Amino acid sequence: MTAVALMWEARAVEGRGPELLAWARAQELPREPVRVEFFRAPDDRVLVITWWEAPGLDADLPELPEPDGGLVTRPVHRWRFEAVP
């Protein structure tokens, strides 16, 4: 097993960054990650990183969904990272 980080990043419609952050915090995953971190950035961007113990990057892990409606300006960006010694 290794530490795998799933990164989720979205850009809210102008002025709706706090709403997007609240939406991301309210999401429930089917199982608990080892750790979850929330970040905000200029231009109403929200970043969420979840950490998992998994066999590798291709493991079946729960991810945050796309927000509904007109909350974001573009599709969510998603990346997976594997911790390296």
Protein backbone atom coordinates (compact mmCIF):
# COMPACT_ATOMS: atom_id res chain seq x y z
CA MET A 1 0.00 0.00 0.00
CA THR A 2 1.07 3.54 -0.68
CA ALA A 3 -0.22 7.02 -0.01
CA VAL A 4 -2.31 8.28 -2.91
CA ALA A 5 -3.58 11.86 -3.11
CA LEU A 6 -6.58 12.82 -5.20
CA MET A 7 -6.67 16.47 -6.13
CA TRP A 8 -9.95 18.16 -7.13
CA GLU A 9 -9.91 21.77 -8.36
CA ALA A 10 -12.78 23.95 -9.53
CA ARG A 11 -13.33 27.60 -10.38
CA ALA A 12 -16.58 29.08 -9.16
CA VAL A 13 -18.66 31.63 -10.99
CA GLU A 14 -17.38 35.08 -9.98
CA GLY A 15 -18.24 35.88 -6.38
CA ARG A 16 -19.44 32.34 -5.58
CA GLY A 17 -16.14 30.96 -4.23
CA PRO A 18 -17.41 30.77 -0.63
CA GLU A 19 -20.49 28.88 -1.83
CA LEU A 20 -18.34 26.42 -3.79
CA LEU A 21 -16.10 25.88 -0.76
CA ALA A 22 -19.17 25.22 1.42
CA TRP A 23 -20.49 22.80 -1.22
CA ALA A 24 -17.17 20.91 -1.31
CA ARG A 25 -17.03 20.68 2.50
CA ALA A 26 -20.58 19.29 2.61
CA GLN A 27 -19.88 16.39 0.23
CA GLU A 28 -19.91 12.94 1.79
CA LEU A 29 -17.74 10.23 0.29
CA PRO A 30 -18.75 6.55 0.53
CA ARG A 31 -15.76 5.98 2.83
CA GLU A 32 -13.46 8.21 4.84
CA PRO A 33 -10.07 9.24 3.46
CA VAL A 34 -7.01 9.17 5.69
CA ARG A 35 -6.94 12.96 5.46
CA VAL A 36 -8.77 15.71 3.60
CA GLU A 37 -7.58 19.29 3.02
CA PHE A 38 -9.47 22.28 1.63
CA PHE A 39 -7.87 25.33 -0.01
CA ARG A 40 -9.09 28.51 -1.64
CA ALA A 41 -7.26 30.72 -4.12
CA PRO A 42 -7.77 33.91 -6.10
CA ASP A 43 -10.39 33.93 -8.86
CA ASP A 44 -12.86 31.95 -6.70
CA ARG A 45 -10.91 28.69 -7.02
CA VAL A 46 -11.35 25.80 -4.59
CA LEU A 47 -8.95 22.90 -4.19
CA VAL A 48 -9.62 19.70 -2.26
CA ILE A 49 -6.98 17.03 -1.64
CA THR A 50 -7.98 13.67 -0.21
CA TRP A 51 -5.35 11.19 0.98
CA TRP A 52 -5.84 7.41 0.80
CA GLU A 53 -3.95 4.23 1.53
CA ALA A 54 -4.21 2.35 -1.76
CA PRO A 55 -2.31 -0.20 -3.85
CA GLY A 56 -1.55 2.40 -6.53
CA LEU A 57 -2.75 5.29 -8.67
CA ASP A 58 -5.29 3.16 -10.52
CA ALA A 59 -7.08 2.07 -7.32
CA ASP A 60 -10.85 2.44 -7.17
CA LEU A 61 -11.18 5.48 -4.86
CA PRO A 62 -14.14 7.79 -4.24
CA GLU A 63 -13.86 11.26 -5.73
CA LEU A 64 -15.81 14.46 -5.27
CA PRO A 65 -18.43 14.93 -8.00
CA GLU A 66 -19.02 17.83 -10.34
CA PRO A 67 -21.04 20.60 -8.67
CA ASP A 68 -24.60 20.95 -9.93
CA GLY A 69 -25.98 23.91 -11.80
CA GLY A 70 -24.15 27.09 -12.60
CA LEU A 71 -21.78 27.06 -9.61
CA VAL A 72 -18.59 26.54 -11.66
CA THR A 73 -17.22 28.18 -14.80
CA ARG A 74 -15.72 25.02 -16.33
CA PRO A 75 -15.49 21.27 -15.67
CA VAL A 76 -13.63 20.22 -12.52
CA HIS A 77 -9.95 19.34 -12.91
CA ARG A 78 -8.79 16.12 -11.25
CA TRP A 79 -5.33 14.66 -10.74
CA ARG A 80 -3.94 11.66 -8.86
CA PHE A 81 -0.55 11.64 -7.17
CA GLU A 82 1.43 8.89 -5.49
CA ALA A 83 3.75 9.69 -2.59
CA VAL A 84 7.39 8.87 -3.31
CA PRO A 85 10.20 8.41 -0.78
